[in-house]
mmCIF file of all heavy atoms, coordinates in Angstrom:
data_MODEL
# 
_entry.id   MODEL 
# 
loop_
_atom_site.group_PDB 
_atom_site.id 
_atom_site.type_symbol 
_atom_site.label_atom_id 
_atom_site.label_alt_id 
_atom_site.label_comp_id 
_atom_site.label_asym_id 
_atom_site.label_entity_id 
_atom_site.label_seq_id 
_atom_site.pdbx_PDB_ins_code 
_atom_site.Cartn_x 
_atom_site.Cartn_y 
_atom_site.Cartn_z 
_atom_site.occupancy 
_atom_site.B_iso_or_equiv 
_atom_site.pdbx_formal_charge 
_atom_site.auth_seq_id 
_atom_site.auth_comp_id 
_atom_site.auth_asym_id 
_atom_site.auth_atom_id 
_atom_site.pdbx_PDB_model_num 
ATOM 1   N N   . VAL A 1 1  ? 1.408  16.506  -8.911  1.00 0.00 ? 1  VAL A N   1 
ATOM 2   C CA  . VAL A 1 1  ? 1.976  15.201  -8.514  1.00 0.00 ? 1  VAL A CA  1 
ATOM 3   C C   . VAL A 1 1  ? 0.706  14.151  -8.458  1.00 0.00 ? 1  VAL A C   1 
ATOM 4   O O   . VAL A 1 1  ? -0.380 14.562  -7.960  1.00 0.00 ? 1  VAL A O   1 
ATOM 5   C CB  . VAL A 1 1  ? 2.501  15.413  -7.075  1.00 0.00 ? 1  VAL A CB  1 
ATOM 6   C CG1 . VAL A 1 1  ? 2.881  13.976  -6.502  1.00 0.00 ? 1  VAL A CG1 1 
ATOM 7   C CG2 . VAL A 1 1  ? 3.738  16.351  -7.046  1.00 0.00 ? 1  VAL A CG2 1 
ATOM 8   N N   . GLN A 1 2  ? 1.029  13.052  -9.051  1.00 0.00 ? 2  GLN A N   1 
ATOM 9   C CA  . GLN A 1 2  ? 0.052  11.951  -8.954  1.00 0.00 ? 2  GLN A CA  1 
ATOM 10  C C   . GLN A 1 2  ? 0.521  10.849  -7.964  1.00 0.00 ? 2  GLN A C   1 
ATOM 11  O O   . GLN A 1 2  ? 1.725  10.497  -7.864  1.00 0.00 ? 2  GLN A O   1 
ATOM 12  C CB  . GLN A 1 2  ? -0.114 11.314  -10.329 1.00 0.00 ? 2  GLN A CB  1 
ATOM 13  C CG  . GLN A 1 2  ? -0.813 12.315  -11.267 1.00 0.00 ? 2  GLN A CG  1 
ATOM 14  C CD  . GLN A 1 2  ? 0.259  13.082  -11.970 1.00 0.00 ? 2  GLN A CD  1 
ATOM 15  O OE1 . GLN A 1 2  ? 1.374  12.552  -12.429 1.00 0.00 ? 2  GLN A OE1 1 
ATOM 16  N NE2 . GLN A 1 2  ? -0.037 14.383  -12.146 1.00 0.00 ? 2  GLN A NE2 1 
ATOM 17  N N   . LEU A 1 3  ? -0.391 10.297  -7.132  1.00 0.00 ? 3  LEU A N   1 
ATOM 18  C CA  . LEU A 1 3  ? -0.040 9.400   -6.195  1.00 0.00 ? 3  LEU A CA  1 
ATOM 19  C C   . LEU A 1 3  ? -0.956 8.088   -6.262  1.00 0.00 ? 3  LEU A C   1 
ATOM 20  O O   . LEU A 1 3  ? -2.126 8.272   -6.470  1.00 0.00 ? 3  LEU A O   1 
ATOM 21  C CB  . LEU A 1 3  ? -0.235 10.010  -4.762  1.00 0.00 ? 3  LEU A CB  1 
ATOM 22  C CG  . LEU A 1 3  ? 0.560  11.153  -4.347  1.00 0.00 ? 3  LEU A CG  1 
ATOM 23  C CD1 . LEU A 1 3  ? 0.235  11.776  -3.024  1.00 0.00 ? 3  LEU A CD1 1 
ATOM 24  C CD2 . LEU A 1 3  ? 2.106  10.884  -4.334  1.00 0.00 ? 3  LEU A CD2 1 
ATOM 25  N N   . VAL A 1 4  ? -0.298 6.964   -6.349  1.00 0.00 ? 4  VAL A N   1 
ATOM 26  C CA  . VAL A 1 4  ? -1.083 5.726   -6.460  1.00 0.00 ? 4  VAL A CA  1 
ATOM 27  C C   . VAL A 1 4  ? -0.592 4.799   -5.409  1.00 0.00 ? 4  VAL A C   1 
ATOM 28  O O   . VAL A 1 4  ? 0.514  4.470   -5.364  1.00 0.00 ? 4  VAL A O   1 
ATOM 29  C CB  . VAL A 1 4  ? -0.813 5.106   -7.857  1.00 0.00 ? 4  VAL A CB  1 
ATOM 30  C CG1 . VAL A 1 4  ? -1.711 3.783   -7.881  1.00 0.00 ? 4  VAL A CG1 1 
ATOM 31  C CG2 . VAL A 1 4  ? -1.387 6.056   -8.953  1.00 0.00 ? 4  VAL A CG2 1 
ATOM 32  N N   . GLU A 1 5  ? -1.636 4.398   -4.463  1.00 0.00 ? 5  GLU A N   1 
ATOM 33  C CA  . GLU A 1 5  ? -1.251 3.450   -3.445  1.00 0.00 ? 5  GLU A CA  1 
ATOM 34  C C   . GLU A 1 5  ? -1.449 1.986   -3.899  1.00 0.00 ? 5  GLU A C   1 
ATOM 35  O O   . GLU A 1 5  ? -2.404 1.736   -4.831  1.00 0.00 ? 5  GLU A O   1 
ATOM 36  C CB  . GLU A 1 5  ? -2.132 3.788   -2.138  1.00 0.00 ? 5  GLU A CB  1 
ATOM 37  C CG  . GLU A 1 5  ? -2.042 5.037   -1.648  1.00 0.00 ? 5  GLU A CG  1 
ATOM 38  C CD  . GLU A 1 5  ? -3.180 5.941   -2.076  1.00 0.00 ? 5  GLU A CD  1 
ATOM 39  O OE1 . GLU A 1 5  ? -3.757 5.724   -3.144  1.00 0.00 ? 5  GLU A OE1 1 
ATOM 40  O OE2 . GLU A 1 5  ? -3.554 6.968   -1.454  1.00 0.00 ? 5  GLU A OE2 1 
ATOM 41  N N   . SER A 1 6  ? -0.810 1.158   -3.289  1.00 0.00 ? 6  SER A N   1 
ATOM 42  C CA  . SER A 1 6  ? -1.012 -0.384  -3.538  1.00 0.00 ? 6  SER A CA  1 
ATOM 43  C C   . SER A 1 6  ? -0.421 -1.109  -2.222  1.00 0.00 ? 6  SER A C   1 
ATOM 44  O O   . SER A 1 6  ? 0.111  -0.569  -1.463  1.00 0.00 ? 6  SER A O   1 
ATOM 45  C CB  . SER A 1 6  ? -0.244 -0.779  -4.676  1.00 0.00 ? 6  SER A CB  1 
ATOM 46  O OG  . SER A 1 6  ? 1.099  -0.600  -4.547  1.00 0.00 ? 6  SER A OG  1 
ATOM 47  N N   . GLY A 1 7  ? -0.865 -2.451  -2.304  1.00 0.00 ? 7  GLY A N   1 
ATOM 48  C CA  . GLY A 1 7  ? -0.395 -3.211  -1.086  1.00 0.00 ? 7  GLY A CA  1 
ATOM 49  C C   . GLY A 1 7  ? -1.427 -3.512  -0.093  1.00 0.00 ? 7  GLY A C   1 
ATOM 50  O O   . GLY A 1 7  ? -1.158 -4.337  0.749   1.00 0.00 ? 7  GLY A O   1 
ATOM 51  N N   . GLY A 1 8  ? -2.623 -2.996  -0.154  1.00 0.00 ? 8  GLY A N   1 
ATOM 52  C CA  . GLY A 1 8  ? -3.621 -3.200  0.721   1.00 0.00 ? 8  GLY A CA  1 
ATOM 53  C C   . GLY A 1 8  ? -4.270 -4.565  0.626   1.00 0.00 ? 8  GLY A C   1 
ATOM 54  O O   . GLY A 1 8  ? -3.995 -5.279  -0.510  1.00 0.00 ? 8  GLY A O   1 
ATOM 55  N N   . GLY A 1 9  ? -5.072 -5.012  1.496   1.00 0.00 ? 9  GLY A N   1 
ATOM 56  C CA  . GLY A 1 9  ? -5.644 -6.280  1.438   1.00 0.00 ? 9  GLY A CA  1 
ATOM 57  C C   . GLY A 1 9  ? -6.233 -6.765  2.783   1.00 0.00 ? 9  GLY A C   1 
ATOM 58  O O   . GLY A 1 9  ? -6.209 -6.030  3.734   1.00 0.00 ? 9  GLY A O   1 
ATOM 59  N N   . SER A 1 10 ? -6.472 -8.055  2.870   1.00 0.00 ? 10 SER A N   1 
ATOM 60  C CA  . SER A 1 10 ? -7.147 -8.629  3.974   1.00 0.00 ? 10 SER A CA  1 
ATOM 61  C C   . SER A 1 10 ? -6.006 -9.551  4.750   1.00 0.00 ? 10 SER A C   1 
ATOM 62  O O   . SER A 1 10 ? -5.387 -10.281 4.034   1.00 0.00 ? 10 SER A O   1 
ATOM 63  C CB  . SER A 1 10 ? -8.336 -9.464  3.789   1.00 0.00 ? 10 SER A CB  1 
ATOM 64  O OG  . SER A 1 10 ? -9.482 -8.618  3.266   1.00 0.00 ? 10 SER A OG  1 
ATOM 65  N N   . VAL A 1 11 ? -5.923 -9.325  6.054   1.00 0.00 ? 11 VAL A N   1 
ATOM 66  C CA  . VAL A 1 11 ? -4.886 -10.082 6.740   1.00 0.00 ? 11 VAL A CA  1 
ATOM 67  C C   . VAL A 1 11 ? -5.373 -10.451 8.140   1.00 0.00 ? 11 VAL A C   1 
ATOM 68  O O   . VAL A 1 11 ? -6.249 -9.727  8.700   1.00 0.00 ? 11 VAL A O   1 
ATOM 69  C CB  . VAL A 1 11 ? -3.585 -9.209  6.899   1.00 0.00 ? 11 VAL A CB  1 
ATOM 70  C CG1 . VAL A 1 11 ? -3.849 -8.010  7.726   1.00 0.00 ? 11 VAL A CG1 1 
ATOM 71  C CG2 . VAL A 1 11 ? -2.486 -10.062 7.347   1.00 0.00 ? 11 VAL A CG2 1 
ATOM 72  N N   . GLN A 1 12 ? -4.857 -11.636 8.710   1.00 0.00 ? 12 GLN A N   1 
ATOM 73  C CA  . GLN A 1 12 ? -5.188 -11.924 10.029  1.00 0.00 ? 12 GLN A CA  1 
ATOM 74  C C   . GLN A 1 12 ? -4.562 -11.104 11.066  1.00 0.00 ? 12 GLN A C   1 
ATOM 75  O O   . GLN A 1 12 ? -3.373 -10.651 10.751  1.00 0.00 ? 12 GLN A O   1 
ATOM 76  C CB  . GLN A 1 12 ? -4.817 -13.386 10.261  1.00 0.00 ? 12 GLN A CB  1 
ATOM 77  C CG  . GLN A 1 12 ? -5.517 -14.313 9.407   1.00 0.00 ? 12 GLN A CG  1 
ATOM 78  C CD  . GLN A 1 12 ? -6.985 -14.729 9.733   1.00 0.00 ? 12 GLN A CD  1 
ATOM 79  O OE1 . GLN A 1 12 ? -7.198 -14.835 11.043  1.00 0.00 ? 12 GLN A OE1 1 
ATOM 80  N NE2 . GLN A 1 12 ? -7.927 -14.694 8.954   1.00 0.00 ? 12 GLN A NE2 1 
ATOM 81  N N   . ALA A 1 13 ? -5.217 -10.911 12.265  1.00 0.00 ? 13 ALA A N   1 
ATOM 82  C CA  . ALA A 1 13 ? -4.521 -10.069 13.256  1.00 0.00 ? 13 ALA A CA  1 
ATOM 83  C C   . ALA A 1 13 ? -3.168 -10.818 13.532  1.00 0.00 ? 13 ALA A C   1 
ATOM 84  O O   . ALA A 1 13 ? -3.048 -11.962 13.603  1.00 0.00 ? 13 ALA A O   1 
ATOM 85  C CB  . ALA A 1 13 ? -5.340 -10.134 14.574  1.00 0.00 ? 13 ALA A CB  1 
ATOM 86  N N   . GLY A 1 14 ? -2.205 -9.832  13.763  1.00 0.00 ? 14 GLY A N   1 
ATOM 87  C CA  . GLY A 1 14 ? -0.790 -10.333 13.924  1.00 0.00 ? 14 GLY A CA  1 
ATOM 88  C C   . GLY A 1 14 ? -0.009 -10.450 12.708  1.00 0.00 ? 14 GLY A C   1 
ATOM 89  O O   . GLY A 1 14 ? 1.333  -10.494 12.789  1.00 0.00 ? 14 GLY A O   1 
ATOM 90  N N   . GLY A 1 15 ? -0.689 -10.301 11.534  1.00 0.00 ? 15 GLY A N   1 
ATOM 91  C CA  . GLY A 1 15 ? 0.039  -10.421 10.286  1.00 0.00 ? 15 GLY A CA  1 
ATOM 92  C C   . GLY A 1 15 ? 0.713  -9.126  9.826   1.00 0.00 ? 15 GLY A C   1 
ATOM 93  O O   . GLY A 1 15 ? 0.572  -7.956  10.516  1.00 0.00 ? 15 GLY A O   1 
ATOM 94  N N   . SER A 1 16 ? 1.235  -9.027  8.686   1.00 0.00 ? 16 SER A N   1 
ATOM 95  C CA  . SER A 1 16 ? 1.983  -7.899  8.163   1.00 0.00 ? 16 SER A CA  1 
ATOM 96  C C   . SER A 1 16 ? 1.526  -7.428  6.773   1.00 0.00 ? 16 SER A C   1 
ATOM 97  O O   . SER A 1 16 ? 1.073  -8.449  6.034   1.00 0.00 ? 16 SER A O   1 
ATOM 98  C CB  . SER A 1 16 ? 3.431  -7.975  8.173   1.00 0.00 ? 16 SER A CB  1 
ATOM 99  O OG  . SER A 1 16 ? 3.937  -8.313  9.482   1.00 0.00 ? 16 SER A OG  1 
ATOM 100 N N   . LEU A 1 17 ? 1.602  -6.268  6.398   1.00 0.00 ? 17 LEU A N   1 
ATOM 101 C CA  . LEU A 1 17 ? 1.473  -5.714  5.052   1.00 0.00 ? 17 LEU A CA  1 
ATOM 102 C C   . LEU A 1 17 ? 2.288  -4.546  4.795   1.00 0.00 ? 17 LEU A C   1 
ATOM 103 O O   . LEU A 1 17 ? 2.778  -3.942  5.790   1.00 0.00 ? 17 LEU A O   1 
ATOM 104 C CB  . LEU A 1 17 ? -0.002 -5.189  4.869   1.00 0.00 ? 17 LEU A CB  1 
ATOM 105 C CG  . LEU A 1 17 ? -1.209 -6.125  4.797   1.00 0.00 ? 17 LEU A CG  1 
ATOM 106 C CD1 . LEU A 1 17 ? -2.461 -5.397  4.779   1.00 0.00 ? 17 LEU A CD1 1 
ATOM 107 C CD2 . LEU A 1 17 ? -1.110 -7.012  3.536   1.00 0.00 ? 17 LEU A CD2 1 
ATOM 108 N N   . ARG A 1 18 ? 2.699  -4.389  3.596   1.00 0.00 ? 18 ARG A N   1 
ATOM 109 C CA  . ARG A 1 18 ? 3.591  -3.364  3.175   1.00 0.00 ? 18 ARG A CA  1 
ATOM 110 C C   . ARG A 1 18 ? 2.762  -2.543  2.114   1.00 0.00 ? 18 ARG A C   1 
ATOM 111 O O   . ARG A 1 18 ? 2.580  -2.928  0.963   1.00 0.00 ? 18 ARG A O   1 
ATOM 112 C CB  . ARG A 1 18 ? 4.973  -3.634  2.624   1.00 0.00 ? 18 ARG A CB  1 
ATOM 113 C CG  . ARG A 1 18 ? 5.843  -2.432  2.540   1.00 0.00 ? 18 ARG A CG  1 
ATOM 114 C CD  . ARG A 1 18 ? 7.282  -2.782  1.982   1.00 0.00 ? 18 ARG A CD  1 
ATOM 115 N NE  . ARG A 1 18 ? 7.302  -3.314  0.635   1.00 0.00 ? 18 ARG A NE  1 
ATOM 116 C CZ  . ARG A 1 18 ? 8.227  -3.312  -0.083  1.00 0.00 ? 18 ARG A CZ  1 
ATOM 117 N NH1 . ARG A 1 18 ? 9.535  -2.923  0.386   1.00 0.00 ? 18 ARG A NH1 1 
ATOM 118 N NH2 . ARG A 1 18 ? 8.238  -3.669  -1.366  1.00 0.00 ? 18 ARG A NH2 1 
ATOM 119 N N   . LEU A 1 19 ? 2.509  -1.227  2.404   1.00 0.00 ? 19 LEU A N   1 
ATOM 120 C CA  . LEU A 1 19 ? 1.785  -0.364  1.452   1.00 0.00 ? 19 LEU A CA  1 
ATOM 121 C C   . LEU A 1 19 ? 2.787  0.457   0.722   1.00 0.00 ? 19 LEU A C   1 
ATOM 122 O O   . LEU A 1 19 ? 3.884  0.775   1.292   1.00 0.00 ? 19 LEU A O   1 
ATOM 123 C CB  . LEU A 1 19 ? 0.964  0.559   2.316   1.00 0.00 ? 19 LEU A CB  1 
ATOM 124 C CG  . LEU A 1 19 ? -0.149 -0.032  3.081   1.00 0.00 ? 19 LEU A CG  1 
ATOM 125 C CD1 . LEU A 1 19 ? -1.084 1.108   3.669   1.00 0.00 ? 19 LEU A CD1 1 
ATOM 126 C CD2 . LEU A 1 19 ? -0.969 -1.152  2.411   1.00 0.00 ? 19 LEU A CD2 1 
ATOM 127 N N   . SER A 1 20 ? 2.425  0.652   -0.606  1.00 0.00 ? 20 SER A N   1 
ATOM 128 C CA  . SER A 1 20 ? 3.359  1.297   -1.416  1.00 0.00 ? 20 SER A CA  1 
ATOM 129 C C   . SER A 1 20 ? 2.638  2.638   -1.955  1.00 0.00 ? 20 SER A C   1 
ATOM 130 O O   . SER A 1 20 ? 1.483  2.585   -2.174  1.00 0.00 ? 20 SER A O   1 
ATOM 131 C CB  . SER A 1 20 ? 4.024  0.557   -2.535  1.00 0.00 ? 20 SER A CB  1 
ATOM 132 O OG  . SER A 1 20 ? 4.702  -0.533  -1.961  1.00 0.00 ? 20 SER A OG  1 
ATOM 133 N N   . CYS A 1 21 ? 3.395  3.727   -2.112  1.00 0.00 ? 21 CYS A N   1 
ATOM 134 C CA  . CYS A 1 21 ? 2.807  4.928   -2.784  1.00 0.00 ? 21 CYS A CA  1 
ATOM 135 C C   . CYS A 1 21 ? 3.731  5.360   -3.897  1.00 0.00 ? 21 CYS A C   1 
ATOM 136 O O   . CYS A 1 21 ? 4.761  5.861   -3.545  1.00 0.00 ? 21 CYS A O   1 
ATOM 137 C CB  . CYS A 1 21 ? 2.586  6.001   -1.732  1.00 0.00 ? 21 CYS A CB  1 
ATOM 138 S SG  . CYS A 1 21 ? 2.044  7.535   -2.477  1.00 0.00 ? 21 CYS A SG  1 
ATOM 139 N N   . ALA A 1 22 ? 3.336  5.182   -5.103  1.00 0.00 ? 22 ALA A N   1 
ATOM 140 C CA  . ALA A 1 22 ? 4.165  5.585   -6.332  1.00 0.00 ? 22 ALA A CA  1 
ATOM 141 C C   . ALA A 1 22 ? 3.787  7.037   -6.595  1.00 0.00 ? 22 ALA A C   1 
ATOM 142 O O   . ALA A 1 22 ? 2.651  7.345   -6.911  1.00 0.00 ? 22 ALA A O   1 
ATOM 143 C CB  . ALA A 1 22 ? 3.878  4.603   -7.424  1.00 0.00 ? 22 ALA A CB  1 
ATOM 144 N N   . ALA A 1 23 ? 4.790  7.826   -6.593  1.00 0.00 ? 23 ALA A N   1 
ATOM 145 C CA  . ALA A 1 23 ? 4.629  9.331   -6.934  1.00 0.00 ? 23 ALA A CA  1 
ATOM 146 C C   . ALA A 1 23 ? 5.175  9.505   -8.408  1.00 0.00 ? 23 ALA A C   1 
ATOM 147 O O   . ALA A 1 23 ? 6.273  9.071   -8.777  1.00 0.00 ? 23 ALA A O   1 
ATOM 148 C CB  . ALA A 1 23 ? 5.341  10.218  -6.026  1.00 0.00 ? 23 ALA A CB  1 
ATOM 149 N N   . SER A 1 24 ? 4.423  10.275  -9.144  1.00 0.00 ? 24 SER A N   1 
ATOM 150 C CA  . SER A 1 24 ? 4.854  10.790  -10.521 1.00 0.00 ? 24 SER A CA  1 
ATOM 151 C C   . SER A 1 24 ? 4.439  12.161  -10.696 1.00 0.00 ? 24 SER A C   1 
ATOM 152 O O   . SER A 1 24 ? 3.690  12.775  -9.871  1.00 0.00 ? 24 SER A O   1 
ATOM 153 C CB  . SER A 1 24 ? 4.207  9.876   -11.569 1.00 0.00 ? 24 SER A CB  1 
ATOM 154 O OG  . SER A 1 24 ? 2.813  9.959   -11.464 1.00 0.00 ? 24 SER A OG  1 
ATOM 155 N N   . GLY A 1 25 ? 4.930  12.742  -11.706 1.00 0.00 ? 25 GLY A N   1 
ATOM 156 C CA  . GLY A 1 25 ? 4.867  14.213  -12.029 1.00 0.00 ? 25 GLY A CA  1 
ATOM 157 C C   . GLY A 1 25 ? 5.976  15.009  -11.557 1.00 0.00 ? 25 GLY A C   1 
ATOM 158 O O   . GLY A 1 25 ? 7.026  14.531  -11.279 1.00 0.00 ? 25 GLY A O   1 
# 
């Protein structure tokens, strides 16, 4: 199985982010 994360970054306190992990194999 291969896993690739995305969606990270810099954000101000109180903000939001959505991380994704794409699985293959």
